[in-house]
Amino acid sequence: PNVSDAYTINGQPGDLYKCSSKDTVIVPVDSGETNLIRVINAGLNQQLFFTIANHKFTVVGADASYLKPFITSVIMLGPGQTTDVLITADQPPARYYIAARAYASAQGAPFDNTTTTAILEYKTAPCPAKGSSTTPVFPSLPAYNDTNTSTAFTTSLRSPKKAPVPTDIDENLIFTVGLGLNKCPQGKRARNCQGPNGTRFTASMNNVSFVL
């Protein structure tokens, strides 16, 4: 797939992109209130980090399942995944960036290394002087290849209670599903082989590629 031009939050790329600097999504909140935010990674091809400047998330659900709550400042979602978080407006009244950027640890694979933003705006935030604007507080985002942060988040996902599972097993099966690289087929255009060094990505199961 082609590398995207931008990521979006609720349909808008945000004010870090020149094309949408006037159309950044603003989310108003009252001081002291707690909101449930359902974060959905609707991107086709990219895992994403998501955070809100100076605020903590209490993660309570993922993919329509309740979780044992835990607190984090950043979440990571794969394509199509959802995460439900509680956020309390407990910071000084101001404007805070909501931001998302790629998590991409594969070496040599191109990706969109930009950041999309929205703004969490306290309703009691001071108004800027006439003719001026206040820059929202920017969050500390993980590096695009920060596997430690990604792993710390995913390994914190826990069921709220012990789940009964079958213990009488007839046979153990192990499946390893991943990506491999094939040489570009003869006669194909370069745009059809955009893997590293002109190769083509191919799905593999137990290290064997399947053919449709």
C-alpha atoms as a PDB file:
ATOM      1  CA  PRO A   1       0.000   0.000   0.000  1.00  0.00           C
ATOM      2  CA  ASN A   2       1.055   3.563  -0.612  1.00  0.00           C
ATOM      3  CA  VAL A   3       2.356   5.542   2.366  1.00  0.00           C
ATOM      4  CA  SER A   4      -0.387   7.896   3.571  1.00  0.00           C
ATOM      5  CA  ASP A   5      -0.149  11.689   3.404  1.00  0.00           C
ATOM      6  CA  ALA A   6      -1.572  12.204   6.901  1.00  0.00           C
ATOM      7  CA  TYR A   7      -3.304  10.616   9.857  1.00  0.00           C
ATOM      8  CA  THR A   8      -6.577  12.049  11.169  1.00  0.00           C
ATOM      9  CA  ILE A   9      -8.510  12.384  14.416  1.00  0.00           C
ATOM     10  CA  ASN A  10     -12.267  12.431  13.824  1.00  0.00           C
ATOM     11  CA  GLY A  11     -11.634  13.195  10.157  1.00  0.00           C
ATOM     12  CA  GLN A  12      -9.189  16.105  10.549  1.00  0.00           C
ATOM     13  CA  PRO A  13      -5.377  15.861  10.286  1.00  0.00           C
ATOM     14  CA  GLY A  14      -4.837  18.717  12.758  1.00  0.00           C
ATOM     15  CA  ASP A  15      -2.854  21.923  12.850  1.00  0.00           C
ATOM     16  CA  LEU A  16       0.592  20.383  12.367  1.00  0.00           C
ATOM     17  CA  TYR A  17      -0.326  19.914   8.701  1.00  0.00           C
ATOM     18  CA  LYS A  18      -0.497  23.048   6.541  1.00  0.00           C
ATOM     19  CA  CYS A  19      -3.591  21.803   4.713  1.00  0.00           C
ATOM     20  CA  SER A  20      -5.772  21.642   7.835  1.00  0.00           C
ATOM     21  CA  SER A  21      -4.396  24.170  10.315  1.00  0.00           C
ATOM     22  CA  LYS A  22      -7.789  25.880  10.637  1.00  0.00           C
ATOM     23  CA  ASP A  23      -9.853  22.691  10.958  1.00  0.00           C
ATOM     24  CA  THR A  24      -8.384  21.004  14.030  1.00  0.00           C
ATOM     25  CA  VAL A  25     -10.962  19.081  16.081  1.00  0.00           C
ATOM     26  CA  ILE A  26     -11.608  20.690  19.486  1.00  0.00           C
ATOM     27  CA  VAL A  27     -12.974  18.595  22.374  1.00  0.00           C
ATOM     28  CA  PRO A  28     -14.428  20.807  25.160  1.00  0.00           C
ATOM     29  CA  VAL A  29     -14.332  19.566  28.784  1.00  0.00           C
ATOM     30  CA  ASP A  30     -15.351  20.879  32.213  1.00  0.00           C
ATOM     31  CA  SER A  31     -12.766  20.897  34.974  1.00  0.00           C
ATOM     32  CA  GLY A  32     -13.121  17.896  37.264  1.00  0.00           C
ATOM     33  CA  GLU A  33     -15.301  15.804  34.994  1.00  0.00           C
ATOM     34  CA  THR A  34     -14.408  12.266  33.928  1.00  0.00           C
ATOM     35  CA  ASN A  35     -15.075  11.183  30.354  1.00  0.00           C
ATOM     36  CA  LEU A  36     -15.054   7.828  28.606  1.00  0.00           C
ATOM     37  CA  ILE A  37     -13.150   7.943  25.325  1.00  0.00           C
ATOM     38  CA  ARG A  38     -13.348   5.091  22.852  1.00  0.00           C
ATOM     39  CA  VAL A  39     -10.239   5.258  20.691  1.00  0.00           C
ATOM     40  CA  ILE A  40     -10.483   3.425  17.358  1.00  0.00           C
ATOM     41  CA  ASN A  41      -7.558   2.907  15.012  1.00  0.00           C
ATOM     42  CA  ALA A  42      -9.409   3.097  11.703  1.00  0.00           C
ATOM     43  CA  GLY A  43      -6.147   3.155   9.740  1.00  0.00           C
ATOM     44  CA  LEU A  44      -5.626   0.338   7.262  1.00  0.00           C
ATOM     45  CA  ASN A  45      -1.947  -0.327   7.615  1.00  0.00           C
ATOM     46  CA  GLN A  46      -0.368   1.263  10.675  1.00  0.00           C
ATOM     47  CA  GLN A  47      -0.110   0.753  14.420  1.00  0.00           C
ATOM     48  CA  LEU A  48      -0.491   4.035  16.302  1.00  0.00           C
ATOM     49  CA  PHE A  49       0.522   5.576  19.619  1.00  0.00           C
ATOM     50  CA  PHE A  50      -2.163   7.831  21.148  1.00  0.00           C
ATOM     51  CA  THR A  51      -1.841  10.280  24.042  1.00  0.00           C
ATOM     52  CA  ILE A  52      -3.191  13.516  25.549  1.00  0.00           C
ATOM     53  CA  ALA A  53      -0.726  16.034  26.954  1.00  0.00           C
ATOM     54  CA  ASN A  54      -0.364  16.007  30.771  1.00  0.00           C
ATOM     55  CA  HIS A  55      -3.281  13.589  31.253  1.00  0.00           C
ATOM     56  CA  LYS A  56      -3.429   9.971  32.361  1.00  0.00           C
ATOM     57  CA  PHE A  57      -5.678   7.268  30.908  1.00  0.00           C
ATOM     58  CA  THR A  58      -7.410   4.601  32.953  1.00  0.00           C
ATOM     59  CA  VAL A  59      -7.789   1.746  30.462  1.00  0.00           C
ATOM     60  CA  VAL A  60     -11.055  -0.139  31.120  1.00  0.00           C
ATOM     61  CA  GLY A  61     -11.797  -2.017  27.900  1.00  0.00           C
ATOM     62  CA  ALA A  62     -10.475  -3.201  24.547  1.00  0.00           C
ATOM     63  CA  ASP A  63     -12.244  -4.629  21.499  1.00  0.00           C
ATOM     64  CA  ALA A  64     -15.648  -4.793  23.257  1.00  0.00           C
ATOM     65  CA  SER A  65     -14.285  -6.619  26.328  1.00  0.00           C
ATOM     66  CA  TYR A  66     -13.872  -5.271  29.851  1.00  0.00           C
ATOM     67  CA  LEU A  67     -10.323  -5.194  31.227  1.00  0.00           C
ATOM     68  CA  LYS A  68      -8.750  -5.030  34.649  1.00  0.00           C
ATOM     69  CA  PRO A  69      -8.263  -1.228  34.859  1.00  0.00           C
ATOM     70  CA  PHE A  70      -4.731   0.164  34.715  1.00  0.00           C
ATOM     71  CA  ILE A  71      -3.260   3.641  34.340  1.00  0.00           C
ATOM     72  CA  THR A  72      -1.024   4.766  31.482  1.00  0.00           C
ATOM     73  CA  SER A  73      -0.088   7.975  29.688  1.00  0.00           C
ATOM     74  CA  VAL A  74      -0.024   6.417  26.212  1.00  0.00           C
ATOM     75  CA  ILE A  75      -1.865   3.619  24.431  1.00  0.00           C
ATOM     76  CA  MET A  76      -0.945   1.677  21.306  1.00  0.00           C
ATOM     77  CA  LEU A  77      -3.514   0.309  18.850  1.00  0.00           C
ATOM     78  CA  GLY A  78      -3.182  -1.929  15.819  1.00  0.00           C
ATOM     79  CA  PRO A  79      -5.359  -1.448  12.732  1.00  0.00           C
ATOM     80  CA  GLY A  80      -9.016  -2.051  13.574  1.00  0.00           C
ATOM     81  CA  GLN A  81      -8.457  -2.195  17.327  1.00  0.00           C
ATOM     82  CA  THR A  82     -10.435  -0.218  19.904  1.00  0.00           C
ATOM     83  CA  THR A  83      -9.470   0.809  23.426  1.00  0.00           C
ATOM     84  CA  ASP A  84     -11.810   2.356  26.021  1.00  0.00           C
ATOM     85  CA  VAL A  85     -10.191   4.795  28.449  1.00  0.00           C
ATOM     86  CA  LEU A  86     -11.365   7.093  31.244  1.00  0.00           C
ATOM     87  CA  ILE A  87      -9.799  10.537  31.423  1.00  0.00           C
ATOM     88  CA  THR A  88     -10.315  13.050  34.225  1.00  0.00           C
ATOM     89  CA  ALA A  89      -9.965  16.768  33.489  1.00  0.00           C
ATOM     90  CA  ASP A  90      -7.735  17.397  36.501  1.00  0.00           C
ATOM     91  CA  GLN A  91      -5.157  19.766  35.001  1.00  0.00           C
ATOM     92  CA  PRO A  92      -5.012  23.585  35.106  1.00  0.00           C
ATOM     93  CA  PRO A  93      -7.589  25.026  32.667  1.00  0.00           C
ATOM     94  CA  ALA A  94      -5.835  25.360  29.329  1.00  0.00           C
ATOM     95  CA  ARG A  95      -5.649  23.727  25.909  1.00  0.00           C
ATOM     96  CA  TYR A  96      -3.895  20.357  25.544  1.00  0.00           C
ATOM     97  CA  TYR A  97      -2.982  18.494  22.394  1.00  0.00           C
ATOM     98  CA  ILE A  98      -4.495  15.096  21.677  1.00  0.00           C
ATOM     99  CA  ALA A  99      -1.956  13.386  19.427  1.00  0.00           C
ATOM    100  CA  ALA A 100      -1.297  10.173  17.524  1.00  0.00           C
ATOM    101  CA  ARG A 101       1.688   8.997  15.539  1.00  0.00           C
ATOM    102  CA  ALA A 102       2.997   5.761  14.058  1.00  0.00           C
ATOM    103  CA  TYR A 103       4.572   2.868  15.868  1.00  0.00           C
ATOM    104  CA  ALA A 104       6.745   1.254  13.191  1.00  0.00           C
ATOM    105  CA  SER A 105       9.598  -1.045  14.200  1.00  0.00           C
ATOM    106  CA  ALA A 106      10.198  -2.869  10.894  1.00  0.00           C
ATOM    107  CA  GLN A 107      13.574  -1.900   9.458  1.00  0.00           C
ATOM    108  CA  GLY A 108      13.560  -0.515   5.936  1.00  0.00           C
ATOM    109  CA  ALA A 109       9.749  -0.443   5.571  1.00  0.00           C
ATOM    110  CA  PRO A 110       8.462   3.034   4.613  1.00  0.00           C
ATOM    111  CA  PHE A 111       5.715   4.613   6.734  1.00  0.00           C
ATOM    112  CA  ASP A 112       4.044   7.960   7.377  1.00  0.00           C
ATOM    113  CA  ASN A 113       6.160   9.595  10.100  1.00  0.00           C
ATOM    114  CA  THR A 114       3.813  12.523  10.793  1.00  0.00           C
ATOM    115  CA  THR A 115       1.703  13.414  13.820  1.00  0.00           C
ATOM    116  CA  THR A 116      -2.035  14.099  13.844  1.00  0.00           C
ATOM    117  CA  THR A 117      -3.559  16.309  16.519  1.00  0.00           C
ATOM    118  CA  ALA A 118      -6.810  17.453  18.076  1.00  0.00           C
ATOM    119  CA  ILE A 119      -7.220  19.761  21.080  1.00  0.00           C
ATOM    120  CA  LEU A 120      -8.655  19.038  24.523  1.00  0.00           C
ATOM    121  CA  GLU A 121      -9.935  22.455  25.616  1.00  0.00           C
ATOM    122  CA  TYR A 122     -11.057  23.276  29.153  1.00  0.00           C
ATOM    123  CA  LYS A 123     -14.169  25.450  29.003  1.00  0.00           C
ATOM    124  CA  THR A 124     -12.693  27.737  31.674  1.00  0.00           C
ATOM    125  CA  ALA A 125      -9.346  28.169  29.903  1.00  0.00           C
ATOM    126  CA  PRO A 126      -8.276  31.841  29.738  1.00  0.00           C
ATOM    127  CA  CYS A 127      -9.080  33.525  26.451  1.00  0.00           C
ATOM    128  CA  PRO A 128      -6.035  34.739  24.500  1.00  0.00           C
ATOM    129  CA  ALA A 129      -5.539  38.431  23.877  1.00  0.00           C
ATOM    130  CA  LYS A 130      -7.343  39.841  20.863  1.00  0.00           C
ATOM    131  CA  GLY A 131      -5.523  39.000  17.655  1.00  0.00           C
ATOM    132  CA  SER A 132      -3.374  36.310  19.270  1.00  0.00           C
ATOM    133  CA  SER A 133      -3.691  32.609  19.987  1.00  0.00           C
ATOM    134  CA  THR A 134      -2.379  30.244  22.627  1.00  0.00           C
ATOM    135  CA  THR A 135      -0.435  27.167  21.575  1.00  0.00           C
ATOM    136  CA  PRO A 136      -1.786  24.014  23.252  1.00  0.00           C
ATOM    137  CA  VAL A 137       0.471  22.018  25.571  1.00  0.00           C
ATOM    138  CA  PHE A 138       2.252  19.385  23.482  1.00  0.00           C
ATOM    139  CA  PRO A 139       2.535  15.797  24.762  1.00  0.00           C
ATOM    140  CA  SER A 140       5.637  13.675  25.056  1.00  0.00           C
ATOM    141  CA  LEU A 141       5.164  11.025  22.362  1.00  0.00           C
ATOM    142  CA  PRO A 142       7.175   7.794  22.172  1.00  0.00           C
ATOM    143  CA  ALA A 143       9.683   7.443  19.372  1.00  0.00           C
ATOM    144  CA  TYR A 144       8.208   5.752  16.301  1.00  0.00           C
ATOM    145  CA  ASN A 145      10.244   2.590  17.030  1.00  0.00           C
ATOM    146  CA  ASP A 146       9.731   2.517  20.820  1.00  0.00           C
ATOM    147  CA  THR A 147       9.015  -1.191  21.222  1.00  0.00           C
ATOM    148  CA  ASN A 148       9.470  -1.005  25.005  1.00  0.00           C
ATOM    149  CA  THR A 149       6.516   1.373  25.363  1.00  0.00           C
ATOM    150  CA  SER A 150       4.402  -0.710  22.990  1.00  0.00           C
ATOM    151  CA  THR A 151       5.211  -3.921  24.866  1.00  0.00           C
ATOM    152  CA  ALA A 152       4.603  -2.323  28.270  1.00  0.00           C
ATOM    153  CA  PHE A 153       1.101  -1.358  27.143  1.00  0.00           C
ATOM    154  CA  THR A 154       0.087  -4.640  25.503  1.00  0.00           C
ATOM    155  CA  THR A 155       1.398  -6.751  28.382  1.00  0.00           C
ATOM    156  CA  SER A 156      -0.746  -4.730  30.815  1.00  0.00           C
ATOM    157  CA  LEU A 157      -3.988  -5.962  29.210  1.00  0.00           C
ATOM    158  CA  ARG A 158      -5.629  -8.294  31.724  1.00  0.00           C
ATOM    159  CA  SER A 159      -9.034  -9.905  32.141  1.00  0.00           C
ATOM    160  CA  PRO A 160     -10.997  -8.452  35.096  1.00  0.00           C
ATOM    161  CA  LYS A 161     -11.295 -11.931  36.580  1.00  0.00           C
ATOM    162  CA  LYS A 162      -9.939 -15.421  36.087  1.00  0.00           C
ATOM    163  CA  ALA A 163     -11.282 -16.951  32.886  1.00  0.00           C
ATOM    164  CA  PRO A 164     -12.046 -20.692  32.879  1.00  0.00           C
ATOM    165  CA  VAL A 165     -10.306 -22.511  30.037  1.00  0.00           C
ATOM    166  CA  PRO A 166     -10.277 -26.191  29.060  1.00  0.00           C
ATOM    167  CA  THR A 167      -7.420 -28.138  30.642  1.00  0.00           C
ATOM    168  CA  ASP A 168      -7.973 -31.521  28.966  1.00  0.00           C
ATOM    169  CA  ILE A 169      -6.016 -31.070  25.710  1.00  0.00           C
ATOM    170  CA  ASP A 170      -5.690 -33.728  23.009  1.00  0.00           C
ATOM    171  CA  GLU A 171      -2.975 -32.060  20.968  1.00  0.00           C
ATOM    172  CA  ASN A 172      -1.010 -28.805  21.052  1.00  0.00           C
ATOM    173  CA  LEU A 173      -0.822 -26.830  17.802  1.00  0.00           C
ATOM    174  CA  ILE A 174       1.470 -23.862  17.228  1.00  0.00           C
ATOM    175  CA  PHE A 175       0.894 -21.396  14.386  1.00  0.00           C
ATOM    176  CA  THR A 176       3.293 -18.572  13.569  1.00  0.00           C
ATOM    177  CA  VAL A 177       1.783 -16.014  11.212  1.00  0.00           C
ATOM    178  CA  GLY A 178       3.942 -13.215   9.843  1.00  0.00           C
ATOM    179  CA  LEU A 179       5.338 -11.422   6.831  1.00  0.00           C
ATOM    180  CA  GLY A 180       8.020 -12.580   4.445  1.00  0.00           C
ATOM    181  CA  LEU A 181       9.685 -11.104   1.358  1.00  0.00           C
ATOM    182  CA  ASN A 182       9.559 -12.435  -2.186  1.00  0.00           C
ATOM    183  CA  LYS A 183      11.579 -11.265  -5.147  1.00  0.00           C
ATOM    184  CA  CYS A 184       9.649  -9.026  -7.500  1.00  0.00           C
ATOM    185  CA  PRO A 185       8.036 -11.258 -10.171  1.00  0.00           C
ATOM    186  CA  GLN A 186       9.523 -10.847 -13.624  1.00  0.00           C
ATOM    187  CA  GLY A 187       7.676  -8.266 -15.683  1.00  0.00           C
ATOM    188  CA  LYS A 188       6.058  -6.513 -12.705  1.00  0.00           C
ATOM    189  CA  ARG A 189       6.335  -2.744 -12.312  1.00  0.00           C
ATOM    190  CA  ALA A 190       8.346  -1.271  -9.444  1.00  0.00           C
ATOM    191  CA  ARG A 191       5.155   0.178  -7.926  1.00  0.00           C
ATOM    192  CA  ASN A 192       3.888  -3.391  -7.468  1.00  0.00           C
ATOM    193  CA  CYS A 193       6.965  -4.320  -5.416  1.00  0.00           C
ATOM    194  CA  GLN A 194       7.381  -1.714  -2.692  1.00  0.00           C
ATOM    195  CA  GLY A 195       8.982  -3.861  -0.016  1.00  0.00           C
ATOM    196  CA  PRO A 196      12.596  -3.316   1.072  1.00  0.00           C
ATOM    197  CA  ASN A 197      15.067  -3.346  -1.848  1.00  0.00           C
ATOM    198  CA  GLY A 198      12.329  -3.750  -4.451  1.00  0.00           C
ATOM    199  CA  THR A 199      10.833  -6.904  -2.941  1.00  0.00           C
ATOM    200  CA  ARG A 200       7.197  -7.816  -2.375  1.00  0.00           C
ATOM    201  CA  PHE A 201       5.658  -8.498   1.028  1.00  0.00           C
ATOM    202  CA  THR A 202       3.971 -11.873   1.335  1.00  0.00           C
ATOM    203  CA  ALA A 203       1.992 -13.426   4.159  1.00  0.00           C
ATOM    204  CA  SER A 204       3.481 -16.526   5.725  1.00  0.00           C
ATOM    205  CA  MET A 205       2.303 -19.232   8.086  1.00  0.00           C
ATOM    206  CA  ASN A 206       4.869 -21.321   9.980  1.00  0.00           C
ATOM    207  CA  ASN A 207       7.484 -19.645   7.779  1.00  0.00           C
ATOM    208  CA  VAL A 208       5.869 -20.973   4.577  1.00  0.00           C
ATOM    209  CA  SER A 209       4.147 -18.587   2.187  1.00  0.00           C
ATOM    210  CA  PHE A 210       0.750 -19.610   0.906  1.00  0.00           C
ATOM    211  CA  VAL A 211      -0.425 -19.165  -2.668  1.00  0.00           C
ATOM    212  CA  LEU A 212      -3.997 -18.226  -3.556  1.00  0.00           C
END
